Amino acid sequence: MRHATRHLKNADPILAEIIERVGPFRMEYREPGFSTLVRSIVYQQLSGRVASRIFARLLDLLPNRELTPAAILALTVEQMRGAGLSGQKTTYIRDLAERTFAGEIDFALLPAMSDKEVIEMLTRVKGVGVWTAHMFLIFALQRPDVLPVGDLGVRTAIRKAYRMRALPKPARMEKIARSWRPWCSVASWYLWRSLDNEAML
C-alpha cells in the first residue's frame, strides 16, 4: 500500500501529517461471508467489549461454533435473546439468515459486484444500512475507495484535523475526499487511527 499512502500524502498535506504520525498502514480484514455480516450486526451501537461477549455467547449456542444460516435458523428467538442480543438484532440476524438460506443474499457473488451493487444487495436485510454495507466493503471485500460518510469516527477525525466547528456533512466530506481517490478506504483507516493517536480519536 505504499503507492496509496504516497498518493494520499501528495494529495492532502493534512492527511500527510496524520499518515506520518500514525505510521504504516495495517488494515485487518475479515472473510467476506455470512459470519462477518452477523458480527457487524451484533457490534452495532455497542462497545467492543460488550459486543464481543455477546458474539461469543451466540457462537457457543451453535454446533462446533460454526456460524451458518441454517445454524442460526435452528435457534429459537429465546436462545438468541438469552445470549444477550436485543429483540431488534435477533430479528435482523434471523432475517439475514433467512435471505441467505433462500439464496436472496449470495455472498459468493459479492466479490464480482460493484460497490453500489453490494450496497443494494446487503441493505435488503433488516437492520443493515449503508454504514454496515460500507464497513463490509472496506473490511471484508477489501475495496480501496470507500468513503463511509455516515461513520462517526471518520466524521470526528475530519472535524478535528480540518479544524471545523461541527461534524461535516456527507457533501463536505465528499469534497474533501476528491483528492484522496481512488484510496478513500485507506484515508478512512488513517482517520480512524488518528483518533487513537494523541487522543485525536
Protein backbone atom coordinates (compact mmCIF):
# COMPACT_ATOMS: atom_id res chain seq x y z
CA MET A 1 0.00 0.00 0.00
CA ARG A 2 2.98 2.32 -0.29
CA HIS A 3 1.62 3.73 -3.53
CA ALA A 4 -1.68 4.50 -1.77
CA THR A 5 -0.05 6.32 1.13
CA ARG A 6 2.27 8.15 -1.26
CA HIS A 7 -0.73 9.31 -3.27
CA LEU A 8 -2.57 10.49 -0.14
CA LYS A 9 0.48 12.33 1.20
CA ASN A 10 0.93 14.16 -2.09
CA ALA A 11 -2.78 14.89 -2.41
CA ASP A 12 -3.50 16.32 1.03
CA PRO A 13 -0.99 17.92 3.43
CA ILE A 14 -3.31 17.48 6.43
CA LEU A 15 -3.69 13.79 5.74
CA ALA A 16 0.07 13.59 5.11
CA GLU A 17 0.69 14.75 8.69
CA ILE A 18 -1.72 12.12 10.02
CA ILE A 19 -0.03 9.38 7.99
CA GLU A 20 3.38 10.38 9.33
CA ARG A 21 2.11 10.33 12.89
CA VAL A 22 0.15 7.07 12.67
CA GLY A 23 2.78 5.10 10.77
CA PRO A 24 2.47 2.11 8.40
CA PHE A 25 -0.91 1.05 7.04
CA ARG A 26 -2.11 -2.13 8.79
CA MET A 27 -5.72 -2.82 7.95
CA GLU A 28 -7.09 -6.06 9.45
CA TYR A 29 -9.51 -7.81 7.10
CA ARG A 30 -12.25 -10.38 7.69
CA GLU A 31 -13.72 -13.09 5.48
CA PRO A 32 -16.42 -11.65 3.15
CA GLY A 33 -19.12 -14.05 4.27
CA PHE A 34 -22.25 -14.54 6.34
CA SER A 35 -20.48 -14.71 9.72
CA THR A 36 -18.79 -11.35 9.19
CA LEU A 37 -22.08 -9.61 8.48
CA VAL A 38 -23.69 -11.24 11.52
CA ARG A 39 -20.77 -9.98 13.58
CA SER A 40 -21.29 -6.46 12.21
CA ILE A 41 -24.95 -6.55 13.26
CA VAL A 42 -24.03 -7.74 16.77
CA TYR A 43 -21.48 -4.94 17.12
CA GLN A 44 -23.83 -2.13 16.00
CA GLN A 45 -24.07 0.63 18.63
CA LEU A 46 -22.25 -1.37 21.31
CA SER A 47 -18.81 -1.09 22.86
CA GLY A 48 -16.34 -3.63 21.52
CA ARG A 49 -16.08 -5.38 24.89
CA VAL A 50 -19.83 -5.88 25.33
CA ALA A 51 -20.34 -6.89 21.70
CA SER A 52 -17.52 -9.44 21.81
CA ARG A 53 -19.10 -11.14 24.83
CA ILE A 54 -22.50 -11.34 23.15
CA PHE A 55 -20.97 -12.63 19.92
CA ALA A 56 -19.05 -15.30 21.85
CA ARG A 57 -22.25 -16.40 23.61
CA LEU A 58 -24.02 -16.64 20.26
CA LEU A 59 -21.23 -18.83 18.88
CA ASP A 60 -21.44 -21.05 21.97
CA LEU A 61 -25.04 -21.89 21.03
CA LEU A 62 -24.02 -23.24 17.62
CA PRO A 63 -22.75 -26.74 16.74
CA ASN A 64 -18.94 -26.54 16.61
CA ARG A 65 -19.36 -22.74 16.95
CA GLU A 66 -19.94 -22.61 13.18
CA LEU A 67 -21.96 -19.55 12.20
CA THR A 68 -24.15 -20.52 9.24
CA PRO A 69 -27.66 -19.52 8.14
CA ALA A 70 -29.02 -22.99 8.97
CA ALA A 71 -27.43 -22.94 12.44
CA ILE A 72 -28.97 -19.54 13.20
CA LEU A 73 -32.42 -20.62 11.99
CA ALA A 74 -32.22 -23.72 14.20
CA LEU A 75 -32.03 -21.48 17.27
CA THR A 76 -35.12 -20.11 18.96
CA VAL A 77 -35.65 -16.42 19.47
CA GLU A 78 -35.43 -17.07 23.21
CA GLN A 79 -32.00 -18.69 22.85
CA MET A 80 -30.69 -15.73 20.88
CA ARG A 81 -32.12 -13.24 23.36
CA GLY A 82 -30.53 -15.29 26.14
CA ALA A 83 -27.13 -14.72 24.53
CA GLY A 84 -27.65 -11.01 25.09
CA LEU A 85 -28.99 -9.95 21.71
CA SER A 86 -31.71 -7.33 21.67
CA GLY A 87 -35.06 -8.15 20.10
CA GLN A 88 -34.19 -5.95 17.12
CA LYS A 89 -30.81 -7.55 16.50
CA THR A 90 -32.31 -11.01 16.83
CA THR A 91 -34.81 -10.05 14.12
CA TYR A 92 -32.05 -8.62 11.92
CA ILE A 93 -29.81 -11.69 12.21
CA ARG A 94 -32.69 -14.07 11.54
CA ASP A 95 -33.74 -12.01 8.51
CA LEU A 96 -30.18 -12.19 7.18
CA ALA A 97 -30.11 -15.95 7.78
CA GLU A 98 -33.44 -16.46 6.03
CA ARG A 99 -32.46 -14.38 3.00
CA THR A 100 -29.06 -16.08 2.76
CA PHE A 101 -30.56 -19.55 3.15
CA ALA A 102 -33.08 -18.75 0.40
CA GLY A 103 -30.32 -17.51 -1.92
CA GLU A 104 -31.53 -13.90 -2.00
CA ILE A 105 -28.25 -12.82 -0.40
CA ASP A 106 -25.39 -14.68 -2.08
CA PHE A 107 -22.03 -13.86 -0.54
CA ALA A 108 -20.21 -15.77 -3.29
CA LEU A 109 -21.41 -13.17 -5.81
CA LEU A 110 -20.32 -10.10 -3.87
CA PRO A 111 -16.62 -10.00 -4.91
CA ALA A 112 -17.61 -9.59 -8.57
CA MET A 113 -20.16 -6.85 -7.86
CA SER A 114 -19.60 -3.10 -7.91
CA ASP A 115 -19.64 -1.21 -4.61
CA LYS A 116 -23.10 0.13 -5.46
CA GLU A 117 -24.44 -3.35 -6.23
CA VAL A 118 -23.05 -4.71 -2.95
CA ILE A 119 -24.74 -1.92 -1.01
CA GLU A 120 -28.03 -2.54 -2.82
CA MET A 121 -27.92 -6.27 -2.02
CA LEU A 122 -26.87 -6.03 1.62
CA THR A 123 -29.29 -3.25 2.54
CA ARG A 124 -32.21 -5.54 1.65
CA VAL A 125 -31.60 -7.11 5.04
CA LYS A 126 -33.42 -5.62 8.03
CA GLY A 127 -31.00 -3.65 10.17
CA VAL A 128 -28.28 -3.46 7.52
CA GLY A 129 -27.91 0.13 6.42
CA VAL A 130 -25.40 1.92 4.25
CA TRP A 131 -22.91 2.25 7.13
CA THR A 132 -22.83 -1.53 7.70
CA ALA A 133 -22.50 -2.11 3.95
CA HIS A 134 -19.61 0.38 3.82
CA MET A 135 -17.84 -1.48 6.64
CA PHE A 136 -18.32 -4.77 4.80
CA LEU A 137 -16.90 -3.25 1.62
CA ILE A 138 -13.83 -1.93 3.46
CA PHE A 139 -13.03 -4.68 5.95
CA ALA A 140 -14.33 -7.81 4.17
CA LEU A 141 -14.27 -7.16 0.43
CA GLN A 142 -11.13 -5.01 0.73
CA ARG A 143 -12.47 -2.30 -1.58
CA PRO A 144 -9.92 0.54 -1.72
CA ASP A 145 -12.12 3.55 -2.44
CA VAL A 146 -15.00 3.61 0.06
CA LEU A 147 -15.78 6.82 1.94
CA PRO A 148 -18.05 5.96 4.91
CA VAL A 149 -19.82 9.31 5.14
CA GLY A 150 -22.07 8.07 7.96
CA ASP A 151 -19.27 6.91 10.23
CA LEU A 152 -18.95 8.97 13.41
CA GLY A 153 -15.24 8.21 13.80
CA VAL A 154 -14.34 9.40 10.32
CA ARG A 155 -16.54 12.49 10.70
CA THR A 156 -14.98 13.29 14.09
CA ALA A 157 -11.45 12.85 12.76
CA ILE A 158 -12.16 15.12 9.78
CA ARG A 159 -13.68 17.78 12.04
CA LYS A 160 -10.61 17.79 14.27
CA ALA A 161 -7.98 17.52 11.54
CA TYR A 162 -9.55 20.17 9.33
CA ARG A 163 -10.49 22.40 12.27
CA MET A 164 -14.24 22.51 11.68
CA ARG A 165 -16.74 23.77 14.19
CA ALA A 166 -19.22 20.98 13.56
CA LEU A 167 -19.17 17.44 12.22
CA PRO A 168 -19.00 17.54 8.42
CA LYS A 169 -22.00 16.55 6.34
CA PRO A 170 -21.62 13.99 3.51
CA ALA A 171 -21.31 16.62 0.76
CA ARG A 172 -18.46 18.35 2.60
CA MET A 173 -16.72 15.02 3.20
CA GLU A 174 -17.02 14.10 -0.47
CA LYS A 175 -15.48 17.44 -1.44
CA ILE A 176 -12.51 16.96 0.91
CA ALA A 177 -12.06 13.37 -0.29
CA ARG A 178 -11.90 14.17 -4.01
CA SER A 179 -8.12 14.27 -3.95
CA TRP A 180 -7.93 11.01 -1.95
CA ARG A 181 -9.50 8.91 -4.68
CA PRO A 182 -9.01 6.07 -5.50
CA TRP A 183 -7.84 5.42 -1.92
CA CYS A 184 -10.66 6.64 0.34
CA SER A 185 -10.67 3.41 2.35
CA VAL A 186 -7.00 3.86 3.18
CA ALA A 187 -7.60 7.51 4.09
CA SER A 188 -10.51 6.45 6.32
CA TRP A 189 -8.31 3.94 8.13
CA TYR A 190 -5.77 6.66 8.86
CA LEU A 191 -8.52 8.97 10.09
CA TRP A 192 -9.77 6.28 12.48
CA ARG A 193 -6.24 5.66 13.72
CA SER A 194 -5.63 9.39 14.13
CA LEU A 195 -8.18 9.29 16.91
CA ASP A 196 -6.17 6.56 18.67
CA ASN A 197 -3.02 8.66 18.49
CA GLU A 198 -2.67 11.80 20.56
CA ALA A 199 -6.31 11.39 21.61
CA MET A 200 -7.49 12.59 18.22
CA LEU A 201 -9.93 9.70 18.17
